[in-house]
Amino acid sequence: MAISSALSFLSDRKRPIVVAVILFIVLSSLFLLPNPTPSALPFFSSPSSHLSSSETSIPVSSNASTPEPPTSAASNGVSSSSSAAGSVPVSADASPPVTGTAVASDGVGDSTTDPPRPDATADPGDAEADVPQPDHGTSPAAAEESGSAGNNETAAGVSAERDAEGQGGGAAVEEPVELPSWELCEVGKGVVAADYIPCLDNVKAIKGLKSLRHMEHRERHCPEPRPRCLVPLPERYRRPVPWPRSRDMIWYNNVPHPKLVEYKKDQNWIRKSDNYFVFPGGGTQFKNGVTAYIRFIEQILPNIQWGIHTRTVLDVGCGVASFGGYLLDRNVITMSFAPKDEHEAQIQFALERGIPAFLAVIGTQKLPFPDNSFDVIHCARCRVHWYADGGKPLLELNRVLRPGGYYIWSATPVYRKEQRDKDDWNAMIALTKSICWRTVVRSRDINKIGVVIYQKPTSNSCYLMRKNNEPPLCSESDGSRSPWYIFLLPFFLFRAHCLLMIYTGVYEHFAWAWMH
């Protein structure tokens, strides 16, 4: 009653606040009874009371010296620290452990700064500034011996220091690590050292081939034993231009091959501008630029939906890979490939630009991709005779194309009327019909460049209804489904490359088994 009368003079809004303050004071007093120090309340504690419980408390006597400031170790020094689980008593004459030790650099920088952007007015004489050049006056063996000596001295110094600290395990000395011997690769006649690819420039193996009819000389022939050598950098090589600028320009000295500029000057593939190679985005089949060509394909086939329905593309005979480079803007990943042929260094240009690409040819071996890998396969003037050897090259594309996927073919047989082009077109009609590809659209752009788009079936019904089983359907006896170093045409079988079945369910599998 006394409290009620004492609070009666307060208004209804202030009364709850006063009551809350009184309760807080009462509870605080009760909490302070067992431990009346201010540190008993967490909100009264000093900042030092918030240290992690995992840290070790170290009692220090009154004669201990004050903590030393952070120090720097020697360039080859080794800092070793460990903390015990319990408290560690420190004698009166001992100094507290030094914390925050900084180790000086021993010759290896940890800088992660971005490469400098290329400057169109850069002096070509500063091309060596970004990448240290090898000392051609010192032989690799001498350089290796010098490096090994330095490493041995470092290892000996570390061991001696550990022994002095009582951590070296007695008088044991670490054994020096023997470094492998690396020498510059010896290349065959007519091969530039900086362009050397062991499995493609194996001159001895290429000279021993019995036939070149199926582009065997453009395939991989890895030397034995496998080489353990270094391919030198081109002279005056410098750090590559960063993406996305590298799609449109690269340093000339990084891929110094000007022949393609002259060879393709009318097709706008590539131009030389001061210290750069510039890629305008042109091509043999897209004279208005690759961007207009990509839009044209989407106009004649809206269902292709770049980046939505189509996410993965294989570009055959890619040149400098501008088609794949510009499809990145559409959220499409393109794997581009071309052979190492007279189109000098085209894949080197693509890789220097930062576009996925590799050297390959559709010859006697499968492409190194699993079955049903790509949504779209594209060929713009790729100069492949798809109907050769019973259609073996096109059947290999059928293998890596997903069911329902599209094959985009832009080549002269599609739109020219010369007799050779007519013969190629008629052969293509017969072949695509035999493997049940449907012609979706055939059109020309404003430059009268023709494009035809085929679609792979999504079921085996067409395969099972064919009057002639040519090409034959694949069976388990046709060998491994692995694509690595597997021949397109097994020599122990007297028939053409087989047609891969589309797995859609048990019913069609039994129907195929009953027919065979």
Protein backbone atom coordinates (compact mmCIF):
# COMPACT_ATOMS: atom_id res chain seq x y z
CA MET A 1 0.00 0.00 0.00
CA ALA A 2 2.89 2.33 0.83
CA ILE A 3 4.47 1.77 -2.55
CA SER A 4 1.13 2.29 -4.30
CA SER A 5 0.54 5.52 -2.46
CA ALA A 6 4.10 6.67 -3.13
CA LEU A 7 3.65 6.13 -6.85
CA SER A 8 0.14 7.56 -7.04
CA PHE A 9 1.43 11.03 -7.84
CA LEU A 10 3.09 9.73 -11.03
CA SER A 11 1.31 9.63 -14.30
CA ASP A 12 0.31 6.36 -15.94
CA ARG A 13 3.12 6.69 -18.54
CA LYS A 14 5.95 7.35 -16.02
CA ARG A 15 4.89 4.80 -13.44
CA PRO A 16 6.18 1.67 -15.33
CA ILE A 17 9.54 3.32 -15.95
CA VAL A 18 10.06 4.12 -12.27
CA VAL A 19 9.06 0.59 -11.27
CA ALA A 20 11.55 -0.90 -13.75
CA VAL A 21 14.39 1.28 -12.38
CA ILE A 22 13.59 0.22 -8.79
CA LEU A 23 13.58 -3.46 -9.76
CA PHE A 24 16.91 -3.09 -11.57
CA ILE A 25 18.53 -1.51 -8.46
CA VAL A 26 17.15 -4.24 -6.18
CA LEU A 27 18.33 -7.08 -8.45
CA SER A 28 21.75 -5.49 -8.86
CA SER A 29 22.13 -5.25 -5.09
CA LEU A 30 21.25 -8.92 -4.68
CA PHE A 31 23.78 -9.87 -7.38
CA LEU A 32 26.55 -7.85 -5.64
CA LEU A 33 26.09 -9.49 -2.23
CA PRO A 34 28.33 -12.58 -2.85
CA ASN A 35 31.00 -10.58 -4.80
CA PRO A 36 30.83 -6.82 -4.21
CA THR A 37 33.57 -5.97 -6.76
CA PRO A 38 32.51 -4.13 -9.91
CA SER A 39 33.97 -6.88 -12.10
CA ALA A 40 31.16 -9.16 -10.98
CA LEU A 41 28.89 -7.38 -13.40
CA PRO A 42 29.74 -8.04 -17.05
CA PHE A 43 28.88 -4.48 -18.05
CA PHE A 44 31.34 -3.13 -15.46
CA SER A 45 34.21 -5.36 -16.58
CA SER A 46 37.35 -3.91 -18.19
CA PRO A 47 38.29 -4.74 -21.77
CA SER A 48 40.99 -7.11 -20.54
CA SER A 49 38.33 -9.36 -18.97
CA HIS A 50 36.97 -10.21 -22.44
CA LEU A 51 40.00 -12.24 -23.50
CA SER A 52 39.34 -15.64 -24.98
CA SER A 53 39.25 -18.47 -22.45
CA SER A 54 41.62 -20.46 -24.64
CA GLU A 55 44.52 -18.06 -23.97
CA THR A 56 47.12 -19.08 -21.40
CA SER A 57 47.49 -17.08 -18.17
CA ILE A 58 51.18 -16.51 -17.44
CA PRO A 59 52.11 -15.38 -13.89
CA VAL A 60 55.11 -13.09 -14.07
CA SER A 61 57.21 -12.16 -11.08
CA SER A 62 57.89 -8.59 -10.15
CA ASN A 63 61.43 -8.69 -11.55
CA ALA A 64 60.42 -9.77 -15.06
CA SER A 65 61.29 -7.36 -17.81
CA THR A 66 58.67 -5.55 -19.79
CA PRO A 67 57.49 -7.05 -23.12
CA GLU A 68 59.70 -6.31 -26.09
CA PRO A 69 58.32 -4.73 -29.25
CA PRO A 70 57.89 -6.93 -32.40
CA THR A 71 61.20 -7.81 -33.99
CA SER A 72 62.27 -8.95 -37.45
CA ALA A 73 63.95 -12.28 -38.04
CA ALA A 74 66.88 -12.70 -40.36
CA SER A 75 66.20 -13.39 -44.01
CA ASN A 76 66.73 -17.13 -43.64
CA GLY A 77 65.68 -17.43 -40.02
CA VAL A 78 63.03 -19.89 -38.83
CA SER A 79 60.50 -18.85 -36.21
CA SER A 80 58.90 -21.59 -34.14
CA SER A 81 56.28 -20.98 -31.45
CA SER A 82 54.00 -23.27 -29.48
CA SER A 83 51.59 -22.67 -26.61
CA ALA A 84 50.91 -25.04 -23.75
CA ALA A 85 47.46 -25.96 -22.53
CA GLY A 86 48.01 -24.89 -18.94
CA SER A 87 49.63 -21.91 -17.22
CA VAL A 88 53.38 -21.45 -17.77
CA PRO A 89 55.37 -20.01 -14.85
CA VAL A 90 58.06 -17.51 -15.84
CA SER A 91 61.15 -16.97 -13.70
CA ALA A 92 62.10 -13.57 -12.38
CA ASP A 93 65.02 -13.18 -14.78
CA ALA A 94 63.23 -14.48 -17.87
CA SER A 95 61.90 -12.20 -20.52
CA PRO A 96 58.33 -12.76 -21.76
CA PRO A 97 57.95 -14.43 -25.15
CA VAL A 98 58.24 -12.15 -28.15
CA THR A 99 55.04 -11.87 -30.14
CA GLY A 100 54.27 -10.61 -33.63
CA THR A 101 57.58 -11.74 -35.13
CA ALA A 102 57.94 -10.60 -38.75
CA VAL A 103 59.98 -12.74 -41.15
CA ALA A 104 61.87 -10.81 -43.76
CA SER A 105 61.66 -11.76 -47.39
CA ASP A 106 64.18 -14.29 -48.67
CA GLY A 107 63.89 -13.49 -52.31
CA VAL A 108 60.35 -14.67 -53.12
CA GLY A 109 57.79 -11.90 -53.33
CA ASP A 110 54.19 -12.45 -52.24
CA SER A 111 52.80 -9.64 -54.28
CA THR A 112 49.42 -10.36 -55.84
CA THR A 113 48.99 -7.10 -57.65
CA ASP A 114 47.15 -7.17 -60.94
CA PRO A 115 49.22 -7.09 -64.12
CA PRO A 116 49.57 -3.62 -65.59
CA ARG A 117 47.10 -2.76 -68.28
CA PRO A 118 48.62 -2.51 -71.75
CA ASP A 119 49.16 0.94 -73.10
CA ALA A 120 48.66 1.52 -76.78
CA THR A 121 51.57 3.95 -76.72
CA ALA A 122 53.91 1.58 -74.89
CA ASP A 123 57.43 1.43 -76.13
CA PRO A 124 58.20 -1.99 -77.61
CA GLY A 125 61.56 -1.84 -75.91
CA ASP A 126 59.94 -2.28 -72.48
CA ALA A 127 58.42 -5.62 -73.39
CA GLU A 128 60.94 -7.45 -71.22
CA ALA A 129 60.10 -5.44 -68.12
CA ASP A 130 57.22 -7.60 -66.96
CA VAL A 131 58.72 -11.07 -67.37
CA PRO A 132 62.31 -11.84 -66.35
CA GLN A 133 64.24 -13.25 -69.26
CA PRO A 134 66.50 -16.28 -68.87
CA ASP A 135 70.22 -15.74 -68.80
CA HIS A 136 71.26 -17.18 -72.12
CA GLY A 137 74.92 -16.81 -71.14
CA THR A 138 74.59 -19.38 -68.35
CA SER A 139 73.96 -22.99 -69.20
CA PRO A 140 70.99 -24.74 -67.52
CA ALA A 141 73.37 -27.12 -65.74
CA ALA A 142 75.42 -24.25 -64.28
CA ALA A 143 72.29 -22.41 -63.20
CA GLU A 144 70.99 -25.56 -61.56
CA GLU A 145 74.30 -26.14 -59.75
CA SER A 146 74.25 -22.58 -58.43
CA GLY A 147 70.65 -22.95 -57.29
CA SER A 148 71.38 -26.24 -55.59
CA ALA A 149 74.34 -24.72 -53.73
CA GLY A 150 72.16 -21.88 -52.46
CA ASN A 151 69.48 -24.29 -51.30
CA ASN A 152 72.06 -26.45 -49.51
CA GLU A 153 73.42 -23.41 -47.69
CA THR A 154 69.93 -22.45 -46.63
CA ALA A 155 69.16 -25.95 -45.37
CA ALA A 156 72.45 -26.08 -43.43
CA GLY A 157 71.79 -22.68 -41.87
CA VAL A 158 68.31 -23.71 -40.74
CA SER A 159 69.61 -26.94 -39.21
CA ALA A 160 72.41 -25.15 -37.34
CA GLU A 161 69.98 -22.61 -35.93
CA ARG A 162 67.61 -25.34 -34.75
CA ASP A 163 70.49 -27.17 -33.06
CA ALA A 164 71.50 -23.97 -31.27
CA GLU A 165 67.95 -23.67 -29.91
CA GLY A 166 67.90 -27.26 -28.75
CA GLN A 167 65.31 -28.29 -31.34
CA GLY A 168 67.50 -29.90 -33.98
CA GLY A 169 67.38 -33.43 -32.58
CA GLY A 170 71.07 -33.50 -31.65
CA ALA A 171 73.74 -32.97 -34.24
CA ALA A 172 71.67 -34.27 -37.19
CA VAL A 173 71.86 -32.22 -40.39
CA GLU A 174 69.07 -32.22 -43.01
CA GLU A 175 69.92 -33.98 -46.24
CA PRO A 176 69.94 -31.65 -49.28
CA VAL A 177 67.16 -32.24 -51.81
CA GLU A 178 68.41 -33.21 -55.25
CA LEU A 179 66.69 -31.12 -57.89
CA PRO A 180 65.72 -32.61 -61.27
CA SER A 181 67.71 -31.68 -64.32
CA TRP A 182 65.76 -29.51 -66.79
CA GLU A 183 67.20 -28.56 -70.15
CA LEU A 184 65.78 -26.73 -73.12
CA CYS A 185 63.88 -28.96 -75.55
CA GLU A 186 65.60 -30.03 -78.72
CA VAL A 187 63.23 -29.53 -81.64
CA GLY A 188 63.20 -30.97 -85.12
CA LYS A 189 63.95 -29.16 -88.33
CA GLY A 190 61.41 -26.50 -89.25
CA VAL A 191 59.98 -26.24 -85.71
CA VAL A 192 60.29 -22.99 -83.76
CA ALA A 193 61.50 -23.68 -80.23
CA ALA A 194 58.92 -21.42 -78.56
CA ASP A 195 56.09 -23.18 -80.47
CA TYR A 196 57.27 -26.72 -79.75
CA ILE A 197 54.55 -29.22 -78.74
CA PRO A 198 56.16 -32.63 -78.14
CA CYS A 199 53.17 -34.77 -79.15
CA LEU A 200 52.39 -32.74 -82.30
CA ASP A 201 55.93 -31.90 -83.44
CA ASN A 202 57.32 -35.42 -83.24
CA VAL A 203 59.10 -35.19 -86.60
CA LYS A 204 60.46 -38.73 -86.42
CA ALA A 205 57.04 -40.30 -85.82
CA ILE A 206 55.36 -38.20 -88.53
CA LYS A 207 57.97 -39.23 -91.11
CA GLY A 208 57.27 -42.88 -90.26
CA LEU A 209 53.51 -42.69 -90.93
CA LYS A 210 52.32 -44.97 -93.72
CA SER A 211 49.41 -42.75 -94.68
CA LEU A 212 48.35 -39.12 -94.38
CA ARG A 213 44.92 -39.63 -95.91
CA HIS A 214 43.01 -39.30 -92.63
CA MET A 215 45.07 -36.38 -91.25
CA GLU A 216 47.26 -38.74 -89.25
CA HIS A 217 50.10 -36.20 -89.32
CA ARG A 218 47.89 -33.71 -87.44
CA GLU A 219 47.14 -36.13 -84.61
CA ARG A 220 49.08 -36.69 -81.40
CA HIS A 221 52.21 -38.85 -81.59
CA CYS A 222 53.91 -38.55 -78.23
CA PRO A 223 57.64 -39.38 -78.16
CA GLU A 224 59.08 -42.17 -76.05
CA PRO A 225 60.54 -41.74 -73.56
CA ARG A 226 58.45 -38.78 -72.53
CA PRO A 227 60.53 -35.59 -72.76
CA ARG A 228 61.59 -33.80 -69.58
CA CYS A 229 62.57 -30.44 -70.99
CA LEU A 230 61.53 -26.81 -70.95
CA VAL A 231 59.97 -24.95 -73.86
CA PRO A 232 61.44 -21.43 -73.86
CA LEU A 233 59.33 -18.30 -73.86
CA PRO A 234 59.23 -16.24 -77.04
CA GLU A 235 61.72 -13.41 -77.13
CA ARG A 236 60.44 -10.26 -75.38
CA TYR A 237 57.47 -12.10 -73.89
CA ARG A 238 55.48 -10.09 -71.36
CA ARG A 239 52.59 -10.62 -68.99
CA PRO A 240 49.37 -11.25 -70.98
CA VAL A 241 46.70 -8.61 -71.36
CA PRO A 242 44.02 -9.26 -68.68
CA TRP A 243 40.50 -10.39 -69.47
CA PRO A 244 38.17 -9.04 -70.83
CA ARG A 245 40.47 -6.76 -72.86
CA SER A 246 42.41 -9.81 -74.03
CA ARG A 247 39.42 -10.95 -76.09
CA ASP A 248 40.04 -8.02 -78.43
CA MET A 249 43.81 -7.48 -78.21
CA ILE A 250 46.97 -9.30 -77.16
CA TRP A 251 50.68 -8.47 -77.14
CA TYR A 252 52.32 -9.09 -80.49
CA ASN A 253 55.53 -10.45 -78.97
CA ASN A 254 53.67 -13.15 -77.01
CA VAL A 255 52.52 -14.86 -80.24
CA PRO A 256 54.80 -13.34 -82.90
CA HIS A 257 53.19 -14.91 -85.98
CA PRO A 258 52.24 -12.24 -88.54
CA LYS A 259 51.56 -14.62 -91.44
CA LEU A 260 47.90 -15.07 -90.50
CA VAL A 261 47.41 -11.30 -90.71
CA GLU A 262 48.34 -11.36 -94.38
CA TYR A 263 46.59 -14.64 -95.12
CA LYS A 264 43.24 -13.53 -93.64
CA LYS A 265 43.43 -9.77 -94.22
CA ASP A 266 40.22 -9.72 -96.31
CA GLN A 267 38.22 -11.65 -93.69
CA ASN A 268 38.89 -9.39 -90.70
CA TRP A 269 40.19 -12.18 -88.47
CA ILE A 270 43.18 -10.35 -87.05
CA ARG A 271 45.18 -7.14 -87.53
CA LYS A 272 48.48 -5.87 -86.24
CA SER A 273 48.40 -2.50 -84.52
CA ASP A 274 51.65 -1.19 -83.02
CA ASN A 275 52.63 -3.63 -80.25
CA TYR A 276 49.37 -5.57 -80.42
CA PHE A 277 47.40 -8.08 -82.38
CA VAL A 278 43.81 -6.82 -82.59
CA PHE A 279 40.81 -9.11 -83.19
CA PRO A 280 37.93 -7.18 -84.80
CA GLY A 281 35.54 -10.16 -84.52
CA GLY A 282 35.35 -11.01 -88.19
CA GLY A 283 35.50 -14.39 -89.84
CA THR A 284 35.27 -16.23 -93.11
CA GLN A 285 31.53 -16.80 -92.73
CA PHE A 286 30.60 -13.73 -90.67
CA LYS A 287 31.85 -10.74 -92.58
CA ASN A 288 29.65 -8.32 -90.63
CA GLY A 289 31.21 -9.47 -87.37
CA VAL A 290 30.63 -12.37 -85.05
CA THR A 291 28.07 -10.47 -82.97
CA ALA A 292 25.77 -10.03 -85.99
CA TYR A 293 26.34 -13.68 -86.91
CA ILE A 294 25.29 -14.87 -83.44
CA ARG A 295 22.15 -12.70 -83.63
CA PHE A 296 21.38 -14.08 -87.09
CA ILE A 297 21.45 -17.67 -85.80
CA GLU A 298 19.11 -16.70 -82.98
CA GLN A 299 16.74 -15.04 -85.45
CA ILE A 300 16.41 -18.05 -87.73
CA LEU A 301 16.24 -20.46 -84.74
CA PRO A 302 14.74 -18.71 -81.70
CA ASN A 303 14.65 -21.98 -79.77
CA ILE A 304 18.45 -21.98 -79.53
CA GLN A 305 18.19 -19.40 -76.68
CA TRP A 306 21.87 -18.67 -76.06
CA GLY A 307 22.71 -19.03 -72.37
CA ILE A 308 19.35 -20.60 -71.47
CA HIS A 309 18.60 -23.57 -73.70
CA THR A 310 22.13 -23.62 -75.11
CA ARG A 311 24.93 -23.61 -72.53
CA THR A 312 27.73 -25.70 -74.08
CA VAL A 313 29.05 -25.44 -77.65
CA LEU A 314 31.75 -27.26 -79.62
CA ASP A 315 33.27 -25.08 -82.36
CA VAL A 316 34.97 -27.18 -85.07
CA GLY A 317 37.73 -25.50 -87.08
CA CYS A 318 37.51 -22.41 -84.89
CA GLY A 319 40.26 -20.23 -86.38
CA VAL A 320 41.18 -17.68 -83.71
CA ALA A 321 38.03 -18.66 -81.71
CA SER A 322 36.15 -15.36 -81.97
CA PHE A 323 32.83 -17.24 -82.12
CA GLY A 324 33.47 -18.84 -78.73
CA GLY A 325 34.91 -15.64 -77.29
CA TYR A 326 31.81 -13.59 -78.05
CA LEU A 327 29.44 -16.34 -76.88
CA LEU A 328 30.85 -15.80 -73.39
CA ASP A 329 28.81 -12.58 -73.38
CA ARG A 330 25.73 -14.79 -73.79
CA ASN A 331 26.66 -17.04 -70.84
CA VAL A 332 27.70 -19.88 -73.15
CA ILE A 333 30.85 -21.97 -72.68
CA THR A 334 32.43 -22.91 -76.01
CA MET A 335 35.22 -25.42 -76.51
CA SER A 336 37.01 -24.52 -79.72
CA PHE A 337 39.47 -26.69 -81.61
CA ALA A 338 41.46 -26.68 -84.82
CA PRO A 339 44.54 -28.51 -86.11
CA LYS A 340 48.08 -27.22 -86.05
CA ASP A 341 48.27 -26.55 -89.78
CA GLU A 342 49.12 -23.81 -92.24
CA HIS A 343 46.78 -21.42 -90.39
CA GLU A 344 49.71 -20.39 -88.28
CA ALA A 345 49.26 -20.45 -84.49
CA GLN A 346 45.47 -20.03 -84.53
CA ILE A 347 44.99 -21.94 -81.28
CA GLN A 348 47.89 -20.03 -79.68
CA PHE A 349 46.02 -16.83 -80.51
CA ALA A 350 42.85 -18.22 -78.92
CA LEU A 351 44.59 -19.28 -75.71
CA GLU A 352 46.48 -16.00 -75.42
CA ARG A 353 43.11 -14.24 -75.70
CA GLY A 354 41.81 -16.34 -72.77
CA ILE A 355 39.33 -18.40 -74.83
CA PRO A 356 39.08 -22.18 -74.16
CA ALA A 357 40.64 -24.03 -77.11
CA PHE A 358 42.82 -27.02 -77.93
CA LEU A 359 44.62 -28.57 -80.89
CA ALA A 360 42.84 -31.50 -82.51
CA VAL A 361 41.55 -32.92 -85.78
CA ILE A 362 38.77 -35.34 -86.67
CA GLY A 363 40.96 -38.01 -88.19
CA THR A 364 41.44 -41.60 -87.04
CA GLN A 365 40.75 -41.07 -83.32
CA LYS A 366 37.75 -40.01 -81.27
CA LEU A 367 37.46 -36.52 -79.91
CA PRO A 368 38.45 -36.43 -76.20
CA PHE A 369 34.90 -35.88 -74.94
CA PRO A 370 32.32 -38.24 -73.44
CA ASP A 371 29.13 -39.16 -75.29
CA ASN A 372 26.33 -36.55 -75.37
CA SER A 373 28.47 -33.63 -74.16
CA PHE A 374 27.35 -30.54 -76.12
CA ASP A 375 24.09 -28.70 -76.72
CA VAL A 376 25.29 -27.27 -80.05
CA ILE A 377 28.09 -28.10 -82.50
CA HIS A 378 29.16 -25.35 -84.87
CA CYS A 379 31.21 -25.47 -88.05
CA ALA A 380 31.85 -22.35 -90.11
CA ARG A 381 33.89 -23.20 -93.20
CA CYS A 382 35.80 -25.84 -91.23
CA ARG A 383 36.84 -27.76 -94.37
CA VAL A 384 35.89 -31.21 -93.05
CA HIS A 385 34.50 -33.78 -95.49
CA TRP A 386 31.74 -35.02 -93.22
CA TYR A 387 30.59 -37.75 -95.58
CA ALA A 388 34.07 -39.30 -96.03
CA ASP A 389 34.69 -42.94 -95.00
CA GLY A 390 31.01 -43.74 -94.70
CA GLY A 391 30.28 -40.54 -92.77
CA LYS A 392 32.73 -41.33 -89.98
CA PRO A 393 33.50 -37.64 -89.12
CA LEU A 394 29.83 -36.70 -88.85
CA LEU A 395 29.08 -39.80 -86.81
CA GLU A 396 31.72 -38.66 -84.32
CA LEU A 397 29.90 -35.34 -84.00
CA ASN A 398 26.67 -37.28 -83.50
CA ARG A 399 28.34 -39.12 -80.61
CA VAL A 400 29.26 -35.98 -78.65
CA LEU A 401 26.03 -34.09 -79.51
CA ARG A 402 23.25 -34.41 -76.96
CA PRO A 403 19.85 -35.83 -77.99
CA GLY A 404 17.82 -32.90 -79.32
CA GLY A 405 20.97 -30.85 -79.85
CA TYR A 406 21.69 -28.74 -82.93
CA TYR A 407 24.42 -28.86 -85.55
CA ILE A 408 25.04 -25.49 -87.23
CA TRP A 409 26.83 -25.81 -90.56
CA SER A 410 27.88 -22.71 -92.49
CA ALA A 411 29.82 -23.71 -95.60
CA THR A 412 29.86 -23.24 -99.34
CA PRO A 413 27.81 -26.40 -100.17
CA VAL A 414 24.90 -24.79 -98.35
CA TYR A 415 24.58 -21.80 -100.70
CA ARG A 416 26.83 -22.14 -103.76
CA LYS A 417 25.83 -23.76 -107.03
CA GLU A 418 29.15 -25.08 -108.37
CA GLN A 419 29.08 -28.77 -109.22
CA ARG A 420 31.46 -29.71 -106.42
CA ASP A 421 29.31 -27.89 -103.89
CA LYS A 422 26.19 -29.59 -105.26
CA ASP A 423 27.82 -33.01 -104.90
CA ASP A 424 28.85 -32.25 -101.33
CA TRP A 425 25.35 -31.04 -100.49
CA ASN A 426 23.68 -34.14 -101.92
CA ALA A 427 26.09 -36.38 -99.99
CA MET A 428 25.28 -34.45 -96.81
CA ILE A 429 21.52 -34.87 -97.40
CA ALA A 430 21.88 -38.63 -97.73
CA LEU A 431 24.12 -38.92 -94.65
CA THR A 432 22.00 -36.78 -92.32
CA LYS A 433 18.90 -38.71 -93.39
CA SER A 434 20.58 -42.04 -92.59
CA ILE A 435 21.36 -40.92 -89.02
CA CYS A 436 17.88 -39.40 -88.56
CA TRP A 437 18.96 -35.76 -88.30
CA ARG A 438 16.13 -33.36 -89.07
CA THR A 439 16.75 -30.21 -91.13
CA VAL A 440 15.32 -27.43 -88.96
CA VAL A 441 16.17 -24.36 -91.05
CA ARG A 442 18.21 -23.35 -94.08
CA SER A 443 18.72 -19.63 -94.61
CA ARG A 444 21.06 -16.89 -95.83
CA ASP A 445 22.17 -13.70 -94.14
CA ILE A 446 22.43 -10.25 -95.73
CA ASN A 447 25.78 -11.21 -97.28
CA LYS A 448 24.13 -14.29 -98.84
CA ILE A 449 26.17 -16.57 -96.58
CA GLY A 450 24.13 -19.73 -96.12
CA VAL A 451 23.53 -21.60 -92.86
CA VAL A 452 21.75 -24.92 -92.32
CA ILE A 453 20.80 -26.21 -88.88
CA TYR A 454 20.15 -29.88 -88.13
CA GLN A 455 18.69 -31.45 -85.00
CA LYS A 456 19.59 -34.82 -83.49
CA PRO A 457 16.61 -37.05 -82.54
CA THR A 458 15.57 -37.53 -78.93
CA SER A 459 14.61 -41.19 -79.24
CA ASN A 460 15.60 -44.36 -81.12
CA SER A 461 12.31 -44.76 -82.98
CA CYS A 462 13.75 -43.44 -86.25
CA TYR A 463 16.81 -45.69 -85.93
CA LEU A 464 14.64 -48.77 -85.45
CA MET A 465 12.38 -47.92 -88.42
CA ARG A 466 15.18 -47.51 -90.99
CA LYS A 467 14.96 -49.86 -93.96
CA ASN A 468 18.73 -50.13 -94.17
CA ASN A 469 20.73 -50.48 -90.99
CA GLU A 470 23.49 -48.22 -92.30
CA PRO A 471 25.33 -46.93 -90.47
CA PRO A 472 24.85 -49.77 -87.98
CA LEU A 473 23.87 -49.21 -84.38
CA CYS A 474 26.64 -49.59 -81.83
CA SER A 475 26.78 -52.70 -79.67
CA GLU A 476 28.89 -53.81 -76.73
CA SER A 477 31.29 -55.57 -79.10
CA ASP A 478 32.28 -52.22 -80.61
CA GLY A 479 34.75 -51.60 -77.81
CA SER A 480 35.16 -49.15 -74.98
CA ARG A 481 33.03 -46.03 -74.73
CA SER A 482 36.08 -44.15 -73.43
CA PRO A 483 37.11 -41.44 -75.91
CA TRP A 484 40.82 -41.35 -75.09
CA TYR A 485 43.06 -42.62 -77.89
CA ILE A 486 40.27 -44.80 -79.33
CA PHE A 487 40.14 -45.30 -83.09
CA LEU A 488 37.05 -44.12 -84.90
CA LEU A 489 37.24 -47.17 -87.14
CA PRO A 490 38.22 -50.34 -85.28
CA PHE A 491 40.49 -52.19 -87.67
CA PHE A 492 39.23 -55.58 -86.52
CA LEU A 493 35.70 -54.75 -87.71
CA PHE A 494 34.84 -54.73 -91.40
CA ARG A 495 32.26 -51.99 -91.20
CA ALA A 496 32.01 -48.25 -90.82
CA HIS A 497 31.85 -46.36 -87.56
CA CYS A 498 28.63 -47.21 -85.68
CA LEU A 499 25.69 -45.03 -84.63
CA LEU A 500 25.32 -44.47 -80.91
CA MET A 501 21.99 -45.50 -79.38
CA ILE A 502 19.96 -42.99 -77.37
CA TYR A 503 19.06 -44.36 -73.97
CA THR A 504 15.41 -43.53 -73.31
CA GLY A 505 14.05 -46.57 -71.45
CA VAL A 506 13.88 -50.35 -71.17
CA TYR A 507 11.32 -50.88 -73.95
CA GLU A 508 13.50 -49.50 -76.75
CA HIS A 509 16.51 -51.38 -75.39
CA PHE A 510 14.66 -54.70 -75.68
CA ALA A 511 13.32 -53.75 -79.11
CA TRP A 512 16.85 -53.10 -80.35
CA ALA A 513 18.12 -56.34 -78.79
CA TRP A 514 15.29 -58.33 -80.44
CA MET A 515 16.11 -56.86 -83.88
CA HIS A 516 19.77 -57.81 -83.48
